[in-house]
Amino acid sequence: MKTIPSIQVEVGGKMFKLSAEKLESGPPPRLKTLCKCPTPEVDRPSYLFKGILALYQTGELHIPEGSCPLAFLKELEFWEIDISLMADCCYNRHVVSK
């Protein structure tokens, strides 16, 4: 069985793991640059990072359940992810209505 290389990044004190392949095929922003460091570590809210991680895993960007939409938009800015990648369900419900 072939082992798929993975990247680990610590965000807000929690460790997250992502396949190197998913990272390379995802959007080109800050996470790719950060993961070139030997021990990537970022002091950001880990509960919001789950939405960023899911984008790389599934190709869909959703606001994490129970999260403040404005706080998540600020995370998108930090991670250099364009809001146009957000799924229509979250964009229409949380961004357009504000």
N, C-alpha and C. Protein backbone atom coordinates (compact mmCIF):
# COMPACT_ATOMS: atom_id res chain seq x y z
N MET A 1 0.84 -1.18 0.00
CA MET A 1 0.00 0.00 0.00
C MET A 1 0.89 1.25 0.00
N LYS A 2 0.59 2.17 -0.87
CA LYS A 2 1.38 3.40 -1.02
C LYS A 2 0.97 4.42 0.04
N THR A 3 1.97 5.00 0.69
CA THR A 3 1.71 6.04 1.69
C THR A 3 1.66 7.39 1.01
N ILE A 4 0.61 8.14 1.31
CA ILE A 4 0.45 9.48 0.73
C ILE A 4 1.13 10.48 1.66
N PRO A 5 2.09 11.27 1.14
CA PRO A 5 2.76 12.26 1.97
C PRO A 5 1.76 13.28 2.51
N SER A 6 1.99 13.68 3.76
CA SER A 6 1.09 14.65 4.36
C SER A 6 1.87 15.79 5.00
N ILE A 7 1.15 16.87 5.22
CA ILE A 7 1.69 18.08 5.83
C ILE A 7 0.94 18.27 7.15
N GLN A 8 1.67 18.65 8.19
CA GLN A 8 1.02 18.99 9.45
C GLN A 8 1.26 20.47 9.72
N VAL A 9 0.22 21.13 10.19
CA VAL A 9 0.31 22.54 10.54
C VAL A 9 -0.42 22.74 11.86
N GLU A 10 0.18 23.53 12.73
CA GLU A 10 -0.44 23.83 14.01
C GLU A 10 -1.12 25.19 13.91
N VAL A 11 -2.42 25.20 14.19
CA VAL A 11 -3.19 26.43 14.13
C VAL A 11 -3.92 26.59 15.46
N GLY A 12 -3.64 27.68 16.15
CA GLY A 12 -4.29 27.94 17.43
C GLY A 12 -4.07 26.85 18.45
N GLY A 13 -2.90 26.20 18.42
CA GLY A 13 -2.57 25.16 19.38
C GLY A 13 -3.08 23.77 19.01
N LYS A 14 -3.77 23.64 17.89
CA LYS A 14 -4.27 22.33 17.44
C LYS A 14 -3.53 21.91 16.18
N MET A 15 -3.24 20.63 16.10
CA MET A 15 -2.52 20.10 14.94
C MET A 15 -3.52 19.63 13.88
N PHE A 16 -3.28 20.05 12.65
CA PHE A 16 -4.11 19.65 11.51
C PHE A 16 -3.22 18.94 10.51
N LYS A 17 -3.76 17.96 9.83
CA LYS A 17 -3.01 17.18 8.86
C LYS A 17 -3.73 17.24 7.51
N LEU A 18 -2.96 17.42 6.47
CA LEU A 18 -3.51 17.54 5.12
C LEU A 18 -2.56 16.83 4.16
N SER A 19 -3.12 16.12 3.19
CA SER A 19 -2.24 15.46 2.23
C SER A 19 -1.53 16.52 1.39
N ALA A 20 -0.29 16.23 1.08
CA ALA A 20 0.51 17.16 0.27
C ALA A 20 -0.14 17.36 -1.10
N GLU A 21 -0.76 16.32 -1.61
CA GLU A 21 -1.44 16.41 -2.91
C GLU A 21 -2.61 17.39 -2.85
N LYS A 22 -3.42 17.32 -1.79
CA LYS A 22 -4.56 18.24 -1.64
C LYS A 22 -4.06 19.68 -1.49
N LEU A 23 -2.97 19.84 -0.75
CA LEU A 23 -2.42 21.18 -0.56
C LEU A 23 -1.99 21.77 -1.89
N GLU A 24 -1.31 20.99 -2.71
CA GLU A 24 -0.83 21.48 -4.00
C GLU A 24 -1.95 21.74 -4.99
N SER A 25 -3.04 20.99 -4.90
CA SER A 25 -4.13 21.18 -5.86
C SER A 25 -5.13 22.25 -5.42
N GLY A 26 -4.99 22.74 -4.19
CA GLY A 26 -5.91 23.76 -3.67
C GLY A 26 -5.52 25.16 -4.11
N PRO A 27 -6.23 26.16 -3.56
CA PRO A 27 -5.93 27.55 -3.91
C PRO A 27 -4.49 27.92 -3.53
N PRO A 28 -3.93 28.90 -4.20
CA PRO A 28 -2.50 29.20 -4.03
C PRO A 28 -2.10 30.12 -2.88
N PRO A 29 -2.93 30.36 -1.88
CA PRO A 29 -2.58 31.40 -0.92
C PRO A 29 -1.59 30.99 0.17
N ARG A 30 -1.69 31.68 1.26
CA ARG A 30 -0.76 31.65 2.38
C ARG A 30 -0.48 30.25 2.94
N LEU A 31 -1.44 29.37 2.98
CA LEU A 31 -1.22 28.04 3.57
C LEU A 31 -0.10 27.30 2.85
N LYS A 32 -0.05 27.38 1.54
CA LYS A 32 1.02 26.71 0.79
C LYS A 32 2.39 27.27 1.16
N THR A 33 2.47 28.57 1.29
CA THR A 33 3.73 29.21 1.67
C THR A 33 4.13 28.80 3.08
N LEU A 34 3.19 28.83 3.97
CA LEU A 34 3.44 28.48 5.37
C LEU A 34 3.93 27.04 5.51
N CYS A 35 3.36 26.14 4.75
CA CYS A 35 3.70 24.72 4.86
C CYS A 35 5.07 24.39 4.30
N LYS A 36 5.76 25.35 3.74
CA LYS A 36 7.14 25.13 3.29
C LYS A 36 8.11 25.23 4.47
N CYS A 37 7.63 25.76 5.61
CA CYS A 37 8.45 25.84 6.82
C CYS A 37 8.54 24.44 7.43
N PRO A 38 9.64 24.15 8.16
CA PRO A 38 9.79 22.82 8.75
C PRO A 38 8.69 22.49 9.79
N THR A 39 8.31 23.46 10.59
CA THR A 39 7.25 23.24 11.59
C THR A 39 6.26 24.39 11.54
N PRO A 40 5.34 24.35 10.58
CA PRO A 40 4.40 25.46 10.43
C PRO A 40 3.50 25.62 11.66
N GLU A 41 3.42 26.86 12.13
CA GLU A 41 2.64 27.17 13.32
C GLU A 41 2.04 28.56 13.16
N VAL A 42 0.74 28.68 13.41
CA VAL A 42 0.04 29.96 13.25
C VAL A 42 -0.86 30.19 14.44
N ASP A 43 -0.85 31.40 14.94
CA ASP A 43 -1.71 31.75 16.07
C ASP A 43 -3.01 32.35 15.53
N ARG A 44 -3.91 31.47 15.09
CA ARG A 44 -5.21 31.86 14.55
C ARG A 44 -6.26 30.95 15.18
N PRO A 45 -7.54 31.32 15.14
CA PRO A 45 -8.59 30.47 15.72
C PRO A 45 -8.71 29.13 14.98
N SER A 46 -8.48 28.05 15.72
CA SER A 46 -8.52 26.72 15.09
C SER A 46 -9.93 26.34 14.62
N TYR A 47 -10.96 26.82 15.32
CA TYR A 47 -12.32 26.46 14.92
C TYR A 47 -12.69 27.08 13.57
N LEU A 48 -12.11 28.22 13.23
CA LEU A 48 -12.35 28.82 11.92
C LEU A 48 -11.48 28.18 10.84
N PHE A 49 -10.31 27.69 11.24
CA PHE A 49 -9.41 27.05 10.27
C PHE A 49 -10.03 25.78 9.70
N LYS A 50 -10.94 25.18 10.43
CA LYS A 50 -11.60 23.96 9.93
C LYS A 50 -12.28 24.21 8.58
N GLY A 51 -12.84 25.40 8.39
CA GLY A 51 -13.46 25.75 7.11
C GLY A 51 -12.42 25.90 6.01
N ILE A 52 -11.26 26.43 6.36
CA ILE A 52 -10.17 26.60 5.39
C ILE A 52 -9.64 25.22 4.99
N LEU A 53 -9.44 24.36 5.97
CA LEU A 53 -8.95 23.01 5.72
C LEU A 53 -9.93 22.23 4.83
N ALA A 54 -11.21 22.38 5.12
CA ALA A 54 -12.23 21.67 4.33
C ALA A 54 -12.19 22.10 2.86
N LEU A 55 -11.84 23.35 2.59
CA LEU A 55 -11.71 23.81 1.20
C LEU A 55 -10.67 22.96 0.46
N TYR A 56 -9.54 22.72 1.10
CA TYR A 56 -8.50 21.90 0.47
C TYR A 56 -8.93 20.44 0.35
N GLN A 57 -9.68 19.95 1.32
CA GLN A 57 -10.08 18.54 1.33
C GLN A 57 -11.22 18.24 0.36
N THR A 58 -12.18 19.16 0.25
CA THR A 58 -13.39 18.89 -0.53
C THR A 58 -13.55 19.77 -1.76
N GLY A 59 -12.81 20.87 -1.79
CA GLY A 59 -12.96 21.81 -2.89
C GLY A 59 -14.13 22.77 -2.68
N GLU A 60 -14.77 22.71 -1.50
CA GLU A 60 -15.90 23.59 -1.19
C GLU A 60 -15.58 24.43 0.03
N LEU A 61 -15.94 25.70 -0.03
CA LEU A 61 -15.70 26.61 1.09
C LEU A 61 -17.02 26.96 1.74
N HIS A 62 -17.17 26.55 3.00
CA HIS A 62 -18.36 26.85 3.79
C HIS A 62 -17.95 27.50 5.09
N ILE A 63 -18.81 28.35 5.62
CA ILE A 63 -18.59 28.93 6.94
C ILE A 63 -18.84 27.83 7.97
N PRO A 64 -17.88 27.58 8.86
CA PRO A 64 -18.08 26.53 9.86
C PRO A 64 -19.33 26.78 10.70
N GLU A 65 -20.06 25.72 10.96
CA GLU A 65 -21.30 25.82 11.73
C GLU A 65 -21.03 26.47 13.09
N GLY A 66 -21.87 27.41 13.44
CA GLY A 66 -21.76 28.10 14.73
C GLY A 66 -20.74 29.22 14.75
N SER A 67 -20.12 29.50 13.61
CA SER A 67 -19.10 30.55 13.56
C SER A 67 -19.71 31.88 13.13
N CYS A 68 -19.09 32.95 13.56
CA CYS A 68 -19.50 34.28 13.14
C CYS A 68 -19.07 34.49 11.68
N PRO A 69 -20.01 34.81 10.80
CA PRO A 69 -19.64 35.00 9.39
C PRO A 69 -18.59 36.09 9.18
N LEU A 70 -18.68 37.19 9.94
CA LEU A 70 -17.69 38.26 9.77
C LEU A 70 -16.30 37.82 10.22
N ALA A 71 -16.22 37.04 11.29
CA ALA A 71 -14.93 36.52 11.74
C ALA A 71 -14.34 35.58 10.68
N PHE A 72 -15.20 34.78 10.05
CA PHE A 72 -14.72 33.87 9.02
C PHE A 72 -14.24 34.65 7.80
N LEU A 73 -14.91 35.74 7.46
CA LEU A 73 -14.45 36.57 6.34
C LEU A 73 -13.07 37.15 6.62
N LYS A 74 -12.81 37.50 7.87
CA LYS A 74 -11.48 38.00 8.25
C LYS A 74 -10.43 36.89 8.12
N GLU A 75 -10.83 35.65 8.42
CA GLU A 75 -9.92 34.53 8.24
C GLU A 75 -9.59 34.33 6.77
N LEU A 76 -10.60 34.48 5.92
CA LEU A 76 -10.34 34.36 4.48
C LEU A 76 -9.31 35.40 4.04
N GLU A 77 -9.42 36.60 4.57
CA GLU A 77 -8.44 37.65 4.25
C GLU A 77 -7.05 37.22 4.70
N PHE A 78 -6.95 36.73 5.95
CA PHE A 78 -5.65 36.32 6.47
C PHE A 78 -5.03 35.21 5.62
N TRP A 79 -5.84 34.22 5.27
CA TRP A 79 -5.34 33.07 4.51
C TRP A 79 -5.27 33.35 3.01
N GLU A 80 -5.63 34.58 2.60
CA GLU A 80 -5.56 35.02 1.21
C GLU A 80 -6.42 34.15 0.29
N ILE A 81 -7.63 33.85 0.76
CA ILE A 81 -8.58 33.05 -0.02
C ILE A 81 -9.69 33.96 -0.50
N ASP A 82 -9.93 33.95 -1.79
CA ASP A 82 -10.93 34.82 -2.39
C ASP A 82 -12.33 34.38 -1.99
N ILE A 83 -13.15 35.34 -1.60
CA ILE A 83 -14.52 35.07 -1.17
C ILE A 83 -15.36 34.44 -2.29
N SER A 84 -14.93 34.61 -3.52
CA SER A 84 -15.68 34.02 -4.63
C SER A 84 -15.67 32.49 -4.60
N LEU A 85 -14.78 31.90 -3.82
CA LEU A 85 -14.73 30.45 -3.67
C LEU A 85 -15.79 29.91 -2.71
N MET A 86 -16.44 30.82 -1.96
CA MET A 86 -17.43 30.39 -0.99
C MET A 86 -18.66 29.80 -1.68
N ALA A 87 -19.15 28.70 -1.12
CA ALA A 87 -20.35 28.05 -1.65
C ALA A 87 -21.53 29.02 -1.61
N ASP A 88 -22.39 28.93 -2.61
CA ASP A 88 -23.54 29.83 -2.71
C ASP A 88 -24.41 29.82 -1.46
N CYS A 89 -24.58 28.64 -0.85
CA CYS A 89 -25.46 28.56 0.32
C CYS A 89 -24.96 29.46 1.46
N CYS A 90 -23.66 29.51 1.68
CA CYS A 90 -23.11 30.35 2.74
C CYS A 90 -22.99 31.80 2.29
N TYR A 91 -22.60 31.99 1.04
CA TYR A 91 -22.45 33.35 0.52
C TYR A 91 -23.78 34.10 0.56
N ASN A 92 -24.82 33.48 0.04
CA ASN A 92 -26.12 34.14 -0.01
C ASN A 92 -26.73 34.36 1.38
N ARG A 93 -26.55 33.41 2.26
CA ARG A 93 -27.17 33.48 3.58
C ARG A 93 -26.41 34.43 4.53
N HIS A 94 -25.10 34.44 4.46
CA HIS A 94 -24.34 35.18 5.45
C HIS A 94 -23.65 36.43 4.93
N VAL A 95 -23.31 36.47 3.66
CA VAL A 95 -22.53 37.61 3.14
C VAL A 95 -23.45 38.62 2.46
N VAL A 96 -24.28 38.16 1.55
CA VAL A 96 -25.15 39.07 0.80
C VAL A 96 -26.16 39.72 1.71
N SER A 97 -26.67 38.99 2.70
CA SER A 97 -27.74 39.51 3.57
C SER A 97 -27.22 40.53 4.57
N LYS A 98 -25.91 40.68 4.73
CA LYS A 98 -25.35 41.61 5.73
C LYS A 98 -25.21 43.00 5.15
